[in-house]
């Protein structure tokens, strides 16, 4: 996990915090949303249009500066549904 954390810190991979006790890593370092299944805990990439507008929207009522975001959807995957 040290090497994965190092790669994450270098921006080569993405570390995903899903709210469970384990760490998840994604080889796709480009910002994109994820889906986490509440039943089997599978983590999937989601293909969606560019969501950079969320940073702008969040900055409108925030005194600081939003630089990035992580978007995770939770539910049941197709297999568990």
Protein backbone atom coordinates (compact mmCIF):
# COMPACT_ATOMS: atom_id res chain seq x y z
CA UNK A 1 0.00 0.00 0.00
CA UNK A 2 2.97 2.34 0.43
CA UNK A 3 3.65 2.25 -3.31
CA UNK A 4 -0.02 2.84 -4.12
CA UNK A 5 -0.14 5.78 -1.71
CA UNK A 6 3.04 7.20 -3.28
CA UNK A 7 1.56 6.89 -6.79
CA UNK A 8 -1.63 8.54 -5.53
CA UNK A 9 0.34 11.43 -4.01
CA UNK A 10 2.19 11.85 -7.33
CA UNK A 11 -1.13 12.00 -9.19
CA UNK A 12 -0.42 8.82 -11.18
CA UNK A 13 -3.41 6.95 -9.75
CA UNK A 14 -6.52 7.97 -7.83
CA UNK A 15 -7.21 7.02 -4.20
CA UNK A 16 -10.93 6.57 -3.58
CA UNK A 17 -12.41 6.91 -0.10
CA UNK A 18 -15.72 5.04 -0.18
CA UNK A 19 -16.65 5.22 3.47
CA UNK A 20 -15.73 1.62 4.18
CA UNK A 21 -12.66 0.52 6.11
CA UNK A 22 -10.58 -0.32 3.02
CA UNK A 23 -8.67 1.83 0.56
CA UNK A 24 -9.53 1.70 -3.14
CA UNK A 25 -7.22 2.79 -5.95
CA UNK A 26 -8.03 3.57 -9.58
CA UNK A 27 -5.42 3.49 -12.34
CA UNK A 28 -7.33 6.24 -14.18
CA UNK A 29 -5.97 9.43 -12.60
CA UNK A 30 -8.25 11.72 -14.60
CA UNK A 31 -11.14 13.13 -12.53
CA UNK A 32 -14.31 11.08 -13.01
CA UNK A 33 -17.20 9.88 -10.82
CA UNK A 34 -17.42 6.43 -9.28
CA UNK A 35 -20.20 4.10 -8.21
CA UNK A 36 -19.96 1.96 -5.04
CA UNK A 37 -22.33 -0.95 -4.54
CA UNK A 38 -23.74 -0.99 -1.00
CA UNK A 39 -24.21 -4.75 -1.26
CA UNK A 40 -21.03 -6.24 -2.79
CA UNK A 41 -18.83 -3.11 -2.33
CA UNK A 42 -17.68 -3.17 -5.95
CA UNK A 43 -16.27 0.16 -7.16
CA UNK A 44 -16.90 1.11 -10.80
CA UNK A 45 -15.93 4.07 -12.94
CA UNK A 46 -18.87 6.04 -14.29
CA UNK A 47 -18.80 7.71 -17.67
CA UNK A 48 -20.43 11.13 -17.49
CA UNK A 49 -20.02 14.46 -19.21
CA UNK A 50 -17.48 16.89 -17.79
CA UNK A 51 -18.47 17.83 -14.24
CA UNK A 52 -15.95 20.65 -13.70
CA UNK A 53 -18.89 23.05 -13.37
CA UNK A 54 -19.40 21.57 -9.88
CA UNK A 55 -16.23 23.35 -8.70
CA UNK A 56 -17.59 26.65 -10.01
CA UNK A 57 -20.98 26.03 -8.43
CA UNK A 58 -19.42 25.12 -5.07
CA UNK A 59 -17.19 28.23 -5.15
CA UNK A 60 -20.19 30.56 -5.53
CA UNK A 61 -21.16 30.37 -1.84
CA UNK A 62 -17.80 29.37 -0.36
CA UNK A 63 -15.20 31.71 1.09
CA UNK A 64 -12.26 29.47 0.22
CA UNK A 65 -11.22 28.04 -3.12
CA UNK A 66 -12.39 24.69 -4.45
CA UNK A 67 -9.62 23.08 -6.49
CA UNK A 68 -11.06 19.62 -7.15
CA UNK A 69 -13.85 17.28 -6.09
CA UNK A 70 -14.52 13.57 -5.78
CA UNK A 71 -17.98 12.36 -6.72
CA UNK A 72 -19.18 8.94 -5.56
CA UNK A 73 -22.64 7.49 -6.14
CA UNK A 74 -23.91 4.71 -3.84
CA UNK A 75 -26.58 2.10 -4.50
CA UNK A 76 -26.84 -1.42 -5.85
CA UNK A 77 -24.92 -2.54 -8.90
CA UNK A 78 -26.66 -4.30 -11.78
CA UNK A 79 -25.63 -7.74 -10.47
CA UNK A 80 -26.93 -7.08 -6.93
CA UNK A 81 -30.09 -5.32 -8.06
